[in-house]
PDB file of N, CA and C in Angstrom:
ATOM      1  N   MET A   1     108.452  35.988 -81.614  1.00  0.00           N
ATOM      2  CA  MET A   1     107.032  36.212 -81.699  1.00  0.00           C
ATOM      3  C   MET A   1     106.607  36.223 -83.153  1.00  0.00           C
ATOM      4  N   SER A   2     105.522  35.577 -83.450  1.00  0.00           N
ATOM      5  CA  SER A   2     105.041  35.462 -84.813  1.00  0.00           C
ATOM      6  C   SER A   2     104.229  36.697 -85.202  1.00  0.00           C
ATOM      7  N   ASN A   3     104.322  37.049 -86.474  1.00  0.00           N
ATOM      8  CA  ASN A   3     103.544  38.168 -86.990  1.00  0.00           C
ATOM      9  C   ASN A   3     102.185  37.713 -87.502  1.00  0.00           C
ATOM     10  N   LYS A   4     101.912  36.436 -87.407  1.00  0.00           N
ATOM     11  CA  LYS A   4     100.645  35.894 -87.880  1.00  0.00           C
ATOM     12  C   LYS A   4      99.500  36.395 -86.998  1.00  0.00           C
ATOM     13  N   ILE A   5      98.468  36.881 -87.634  1.00  0.00           N
ATOM     14  CA  ILE A   5      97.288  37.331 -86.914  1.00  0.00           C
ATOM     15  C   ILE A   5      96.365  36.136 -86.725  1.00  0.00           C
ATOM     16  N   LYS A   6      95.967  35.910 -85.481  1.00  0.00           N
ATOM     17  CA  LYS A   6      95.106  34.777 -85.171  1.00  0.00           C
ATOM     18  C   LYS A   6      93.647  35.172 -85.374  1.00  0.00           C
ATOM     19  N   SER A   7      92.872  34.211 -85.823  1.00  0.00           N
ATOM     20  CA  SER A   7      91.440  34.438 -85.938  1.00  0.00           C
ATOM     21  C   SER A   7      90.821  34.385 -84.544  1.00  0.00           C
ATOM     22  N   GLY A   8      89.595  34.863 -84.439  1.00  0.00           N
ATOM     23  CA  GLY A   8      88.891  34.799 -83.162  1.00  0.00           C
ATOM     24  C   GLY A   8      88.762  33.365 -82.683  1.00  0.00           C
ATOM     25  N   LYS A   9      88.474  32.439 -83.594  1.00  0.00           N
ATOM     26  CA  LYS A   9      88.345  31.035 -83.240  1.00  0.00           C
ATOM     27  C   LYS A   9      89.667  30.490 -82.726  1.00  0.00           C
ATOM     28  N   ASP A  10      90.772  30.869 -83.365  1.00  0.00           N
ATOM     29  CA  ASP A  10      92.090  30.423 -82.902  1.00  0.00           C
ATOM     30  C   ASP A  10      92.364  30.903 -81.474  1.00  0.00           C
ATOM     31  N   VAL A  11      92.020  32.137 -81.197  1.00  0.00           N
ATOM     32  CA  VAL A  11      92.239  32.702 -79.861  1.00  0.00           C
ATOM     33  C   VAL A  11      91.397  31.961 -78.831  1.00  0.00           C
ATOM     34  N   ILE A  12      90.140  31.703 -79.167  1.00  0.00           N
ATOM     35  CA  ILE A  12      89.248  31.001 -78.237  1.00  0.00           C
ATOM     36  C   ILE A  12      89.696  29.559 -78.053  1.00  0.00           C
ATOM     37  N   ASP A  13      90.088  28.890 -79.140  1.00  0.00           N
ATOM     38  CA  ASP A  13      90.602  27.520 -79.031  1.00  0.00           C
ATOM     39  C   ASP A  13      91.813  27.471 -78.104  1.00  0.00           C
ATOM     40  N   GLU A  14      92.698  28.426 -78.269  1.00  0.00           N
ATOM     41  CA  GLU A  14      93.896  28.501 -77.431  1.00  0.00           C
ATOM     42  C   GLU A  14      93.520  28.750 -75.968  1.00  0.00           C
ATOM     43  N   PHE A  15      92.565  29.633 -75.750  1.00  0.00           N
ATOM     44  CA  PHE A  15      92.091  29.922 -74.397  1.00  0.00           C
ATOM     45  C   PHE A  15      91.585  28.654 -73.727  1.00  0.00           C
ATOM     46  N   PHE A  16      90.714  27.902 -74.410  1.00  0.00           N
ATOM     47  CA  PHE A  16      90.155  26.699 -73.812  1.00  0.00           C
ATOM     48  C   PHE A  16      91.189  25.583 -73.669  1.00  0.00           C
ATOM     49  N   ALA A  17      92.206  25.595 -74.490  1.00  0.00           N
ATOM     50  CA  ALA A  17      93.274  24.608 -74.358  1.00  0.00           C
ATOM     51  C   ALA A  17      94.138  24.904 -73.132  1.00  0.00           C
ATOM     52  N   GLU A  18      94.272  26.168 -72.771  1.00  0.00           N
ATOM     53  CA  GLU A  18      95.155  26.566 -71.674  1.00  0.00           C
ATOM     54  C   GLU A  18      94.448  26.796 -70.351  1.00  0.00           C
ATOM     55  N   ILE A  19      93.130  26.930 -70.361  1.00  0.00           N
ATOM     56  CA  ILE A  19      92.414  27.303 -69.137  1.00  0.00           C
ATOM     57  C   ILE A  19      92.574  26.259 -68.033  1.00  0.00           C
ATOM     58  N   LEU A  20      92.770  25.005 -68.397  1.00  0.00           N
ATOM     59  CA  LEU A  20      92.946  23.965 -67.383  1.00  0.00           C
ATOM     60  C   LEU A  20      94.241  24.152 -66.589  1.00  0.00           C
ATOM     61  N   ASN A  21      95.171  24.918 -67.134  1.00  0.00           N
ATOM     62  CA  ASN A  21      96.457  25.142 -66.470  1.00  0.00           C
ATOM     63  C   ASN A  21      96.461  26.369 -65.566  1.00  0.00           C
ATOM     64  N   VAL A  22      95.354  27.088 -65.502  1.00  0.00           N
ATOM     65  CA  VAL A  22      95.288  28.304 -64.694  1.00  0.00           C
ATOM     66  C   VAL A  22      95.114  27.914 -63.226  1.00  0.00           C
ATOM     67  N   GLU A  23      95.943  28.492 -62.384  1.00  0.00           N
ATOM     68  CA  GLU A  23      95.868  28.196 -60.950  1.00  0.00           C
ATOM     69  C   GLU A  23      94.676  28.907 -60.327  1.00  0.00           C
ATOM     70  N   GLY A  24      94.071  28.244 -59.353  1.00  0.00           N
ATOM     71  CA  GLY A  24      93.020  28.875 -58.580  1.00  0.00           C
ATOM     72  C   GLY A  24      91.628  28.779 -59.168  1.00  0.00           C
ATOM     73  N   VAL A  25      91.470  28.041 -60.260  1.00  0.00           N
ATOM     74  CA  VAL A  25      90.128  27.885 -60.824  1.00  0.00           C
ATOM     75  C   VAL A  25      89.530  26.572 -60.356  1.00  0.00           C
ATOM     76  N   ASP A  26      88.206  26.511 -60.316  1.00  0.00           N
ATOM     77  CA  ASP A  26      87.537  25.274 -59.939  1.00  0.00           C
ATOM     78  C   ASP A  26      87.657  24.291 -61.099  1.00  0.00           C
ATOM     79  N   GLN A  27      88.329  23.187 -60.847  1.00  0.00           N
ATOM     80  CA  GLN A  27      88.651  22.216 -61.895  1.00  0.00           C
ATOM     81  C   GLN A  27      87.402  21.645 -62.565  1.00  0.00           C
ATOM     82  N   LYS A  28      86.399  21.273 -61.773  1.00  0.00           N
ATOM     83  CA  LYS A  28      85.191  20.690 -62.346  1.00  0.00           C
ATOM     84  C   LYS A  28      84.455  21.680 -63.238  1.00  0.00           C
ATOM     85  N   THR A  29      84.408  22.942 -62.816  1.00  0.00           N
ATOM     86  CA  THR A  29      83.742  23.971 -63.612  1.00  0.00           C
ATOM     87  C   THR A  29      84.463  24.165 -64.934  1.00  0.00           C
ATOM     88  N   VAL A  30      85.776  24.268 -64.872  1.00  0.00           N
ATOM     89  CA  VAL A  30      86.559  24.463 -66.089  1.00  0.00           C
ATOM     90  C   VAL A  30      86.420  23.263 -67.017  1.00  0.00           C
ATOM     91  N   GLU A  31      86.471  22.060 -66.463  1.00  0.00           N
ATOM     92  CA  GLU A  31      86.325  20.861 -67.293  1.00  0.00           C
ATOM     93  C   GLU A  31      84.973  20.844 -67.997  1.00  0.00           C
ATOM     94  N   LYS A  32      83.925  21.252 -67.287  1.00  0.00           N
ATOM     95  CA  LYS A  32      82.582  21.279 -67.881  1.00  0.00           C
ATOM     96  C   LYS A  32      82.515  22.322 -69.000  1.00  0.00           C
ATOM     97  N   LEU A  33      83.106  23.495 -68.788  1.00  0.00           N
ATOM     98  CA  LEU A  33      83.100  24.531 -69.822  1.00  0.00           C
ATOM     99  C   LEU A  33      83.888  24.090 -71.051  1.00  0.00           C
ATOM    100  N   VAL A  34      85.033  23.452 -70.824  1.00  0.00           N
ATOM    101  CA  VAL A  34      85.844  22.951 -71.935  1.00  0.00           C
ATOM    102  C   VAL A  34      85.062  21.876 -72.705  1.00  0.00           C
ATOM    103  N   GLU A  35      84.378  21.008 -71.962  1.00  0.00           N
ATOM    104  CA  GLU A  35      83.564  19.960 -72.583  1.00  0.00           C
ATOM    105  C   GLU A  35      82.457  20.573 -73.453  1.00  0.00           C
ATOM    106  N   LEU A  36      81.743  21.544 -72.905  1.00  0.00           N
ATOM    107  CA  LEU A  36      80.677  22.194 -73.675  1.00  0.00           C
ATOM    108  C   LEU A  36      81.240  22.883 -74.915  1.00  0.00           C
ATOM    109  N   TYR A  37      82.373  23.539 -74.760  1.00  0.00           N
ATOM    110  CA  TYR A  37      82.988  24.210 -75.912  1.00  0.00           C
ATOM    111  C   TYR A  37      83.369  23.194 -76.982  1.00  0.00           C
ATOM    112  N   GLY A  38      83.961  22.095 -76.566  1.00  0.00           N
ATOM    113  CA  GLY A  38      84.372  21.055 -77.506  1.00  0.00           C
ATOM    114  C   GLY A  38      83.208  20.431 -78.253  1.00  0.00           C
ATOM    115  N   GLU A  39      82.034  20.420 -77.619  1.00  0.00           N
ATOM    116  CA  GLU A  39      80.833  19.866 -78.243  1.00  0.00           C
ATOM    117  C   GLU A  39      80.025  20.929 -78.985  1.00  0.00           C
ATOM    118  N   ASN A  40      80.568  22.141 -79.090  1.00  0.00           N
ATOM    119  CA  ASN A  40      79.871  23.276 -79.702  1.00  0.00           C
ATOM    120  C   ASN A  40      78.531  23.539 -79.033  1.00  0.00           C
ATOM    121  N   LYS A  41      78.501  23.390 -77.709  1.00  0.00           N
ATOM    122  CA  LYS A  41      77.281  23.597 -76.936  1.00  0.00           C
ATOM    123  C   LYS A  41      77.465  24.677 -75.874  1.00  0.00           C
ATOM    124  N   LEU A  42      78.354  25.607 -76.125  1.00  0.00           N
ATOM    125  CA  LEU A  42      78.641  26.649 -75.153  1.00  0.00           C
ATOM    126  C   LEU A  42      77.613  27.771 -75.314  1.00  0.00           C
ATOM    127  N   THR A  43      76.422  27.537 -74.778  1.00  0.00           N
ATOM    128  CA  THR A  43      75.339  28.516 -74.829  1.00  0.00           C
ATOM    129  C   THR A  43      74.974  28.920 -73.409  1.00  0.00           C
ATOM    130  N   ASP A  44      74.262  30.026 -73.284  1.00  0.00           N
ATOM    131  CA  ASP A  44      73.854  30.492 -71.956  1.00  0.00           C
ATOM    132  C   ASP A  44      73.108  29.410 -71.196  1.00  0.00           C
ATOM    133  N   SER A  45      72.140  28.787 -71.835  1.00  0.00           N
ATOM    134  CA  SER A  45      71.316  27.799 -71.137  1.00  0.00           C
ATOM    135  C   SER A  45      72.115  26.543 -70.783  1.00  0.00           C
ATOM    136  N   LYS A  46      72.988  26.085 -71.679  1.00  0.00           N
ATOM    137  CA  LYS A  46      73.804  24.898 -71.385  1.00  0.00           C
ATOM    138  C   LYS A  46      74.781  25.180 -70.244  1.00  0.00           C
ATOM    139  N   ILE A  47      75.368  26.371 -70.239  1.00  0.00           N
ATOM    140  CA  ILE A  47      76.290  26.745 -69.164  1.00  0.00           C
ATOM    141  C   ILE A  47      75.539  26.797 -67.835  1.00  0.00           C
ATOM    142  N   GLN A  48      74.371  27.435 -67.835  1.00  0.00           N
ATOM    143  CA  GLN A  48      73.585  27.531 -66.612  1.00  0.00           C
ATOM    144  C   GLN A  48      73.189  26.152 -66.097  1.00  0.00           C
ATOM    145  N   ASN A  49      72.745  25.279 -66.990  1.00  0.00           N
ATOM    146  CA  ASN A  49      72.366  23.920 -66.591  1.00  0.00           C
ATOM    147  C   ASN A  49      73.562  23.156 -66.015  1.00  0.00           C
ATOM    148  N   ALA A  50      74.717  23.286 -66.668  1.00  0.00           N
ATOM    149  CA  ALA A  50      75.919  22.593 -66.204  1.00  0.00           C
ATOM    150  C   ALA A  50      76.343  23.104 -64.836  1.00  0.00           C
ATOM    151  N   LEU A  51      76.284  24.419 -64.638  1.00  0.00           N
ATOM    152  CA  LEU A  51      76.656  24.989 -63.339  1.00  0.00           C
ATOM    153  C   LEU A  51      75.666  24.576 -62.254  1.00  0.00           C
ATOM    154  N   ASP A  52      74.386  24.503 -62.612  1.00  0.00           N
ATOM    155  CA  ASP A  52      73.387  24.024 -61.646  1.00  0.00           C
ATOM    156  C   ASP A  52      73.660  22.571 -61.252  1.00  0.00           C
ATOM    157  N   GLU A  53      74.025  21.741 -62.224  1.00  0.00           N
ATOM    158  CA  GLU A  53      74.351  20.340 -61.933  1.00  0.00           C
ATOM    159  C   GLU A  53      75.562  20.238 -61.010  1.00  0.00           C
ATOM    160  N   LEU A  54      76.597  21.017 -61.293  1.00  0.00           N
ATOM    161  CA  LEU A  54      77.795  21.006 -60.448  1.00  0.00           C
ATOM    162  C   LEU A  54      77.466  21.481 -59.033  1.00  0.00           C
ATOM    163  N   LYS A  55      76.605  22.483 -58.938  1.00  0.00           N
ATOM    164  CA  LYS A  55      76.200  22.988 -57.629  1.00  0.00           C
ATOM    165  C   LYS A  55      75.457  21.907 -56.853  1.00  0.00           C
ATOM    166  N   GLN A  56      74.547  21.217 -57.514  1.00  0.00           N
ATOM    167  CA  GLN A  56      73.802  20.149 -56.852  1.00  0.00           C
ATOM    168  C   GLN A  56      74.735  19.011 -56.412  1.00  0.00           C
ATOM    169  N   GLU A  57      75.705  18.678 -57.254  1.00  0.00           N
ATOM    170  CA  GLU A  57      76.680  17.642 -56.886  1.00  0.00           C
ATOM    171  C   GLU A  57      77.472  18.066 -55.646  1.00  0.00           C
ATOM    172  N   ALA A  58      77.824  19.336 -55.583  1.00  0.00           N
ATOM    173  CA  ALA A  58      78.587  19.843 -54.440  1.00  0.00           C
ATOM    174  C   ALA A  58      77.744  19.852 -53.171  1.00  0.00           C
ATOM    175  N   LEU A  59      76.455  20.142 -53.326  1.00  0.00           N
ATOM    176  CA  LEU A  59      75.570  20.191 -52.163  1.00  0.00           C
ATOM    177  C   LEU A  59      75.139  18.802 -51.699  1.00  0.00           C
ATOM    178  N   ASN A  60      75.129  17.835 -52.610  1.00  0.00           N
ATOM    179  CA  ASN A  60      74.673  16.477 -52.304  1.00  0.00           C
ATOM    180  C   ASN A  60      75.697  15.436 -52.716  1.00  0.00           C
ATOM    181  N   PRO A  61      76.887  15.456 -52.144  1.00  0.00           N
ATOM    182  CA  PRO A  61      77.923  14.505 -52.583  1.00  0.00           C
ATOM    183  C   PRO A  61      77.538  13.048 -52.330  1.00  0.00           C
ATOM    184  N   LYS A  62      76.737  12.766 -51.310  1.00  0.00           N
ATOM    185  CA  LYS A  62      76.336  11.410 -51.016  1.00  0.00           C
ATOM    186  C   LYS A  62      75.451  10.861 -52.134  1.00  0.00           C
ATOM    187  N   LYS A  63      74.584  11.671 -52.677  1.00  0.00           N
ATOM    188  CA  LYS A  63      73.701  11.248 -53.761  1.00  0.00           C
ATOM    189  C   LYS A  63      74.512  10.794 -54.973  1.00  0.00           C
ATOM    190  N   GLU A  64      75.591  11.525 -55.279  1.00  0.00           N
ATOM    191  CA  GLU A  64      76.461  11.159 -56.409  1.00  0.00           C
ATOM    192  C   GLU A  64      77.105   9.795 -56.172  1.00  0.00           C
ATOM    193  N   GLN A  65      77.548   9.524 -54.932  1.00  0.00           N
ATOM    194  CA  GLN A  65      78.158   8.236 -54.613  1.00  0.00           C
ATOM    195  C   GLN A  65      77.129   7.131 -54.672  1.00  0.00           C
ATOM    196  N   ASP A  66      75.907   7.387 -54.227  1.00  0.00           N
ATOM    197  CA  ASP A  66      74.858   6.369 -54.230  1.00  0.00           C
ATOM    198  C   ASP A  66      74.494   5.929 -55.635  1.00  0.00           C
ATOM    199  N   ASN A  67      74.600   6.825 -56.606  1.00  0.00           N
ATOM    200  CA  ASN A  67      74.263   6.492 -57.996  1.00  0.00           C
ATOM    201  C   ASN A  67      75.138   5.382 -58.538  1.00  0.00           C
ATOM    202  N   GLY A  68      76.356   5.291 -58.117  1.00  0.00           N
ATOM    203  CA  GLY A  68      77.270   4.274 -58.599  1.00  0.00           C
ATOM    204  C   GLY A  68      77.087   2.927 -57.922  1.00  0.00           C
ATOM    205  N   GLU A  69      76.312   2.878 -56.839  1.00  0.00           N
ATOM    206  CA  GLU A  69      76.155   1.654 -56.074  1.00  0.00           C
ATOM    207  C   GLU A  69      74.887   0.889 -56.392  1.00  0.00           C
ATOM    208  N   ASP A  70      74.046   1.399 -57.296  1.00  0.00           N
ATOM    209  CA  ASP A  70      72.775   0.743 -57.620  1.00  0.00           C
ATOM    210  C   ASP A  70      72.963  -0.556 -58.340  1.00  0.00           C
TER     211      ASP A  70
END
């Protein structure tokens, strides 16, 4: 074990790097959060908007498929 003290950013970077490996989490939600974090857009409003989009996709899967067929 290293005696090096990690910065808050290091801890958060490590968290987002490993969160995809956690069992039992919704993959799409985690991917969206990781994406927002990577773009430095992890804000309350961006998270809420992303979760609303994922919810709509889940409720209307046919609409998502139709978008690719235009």
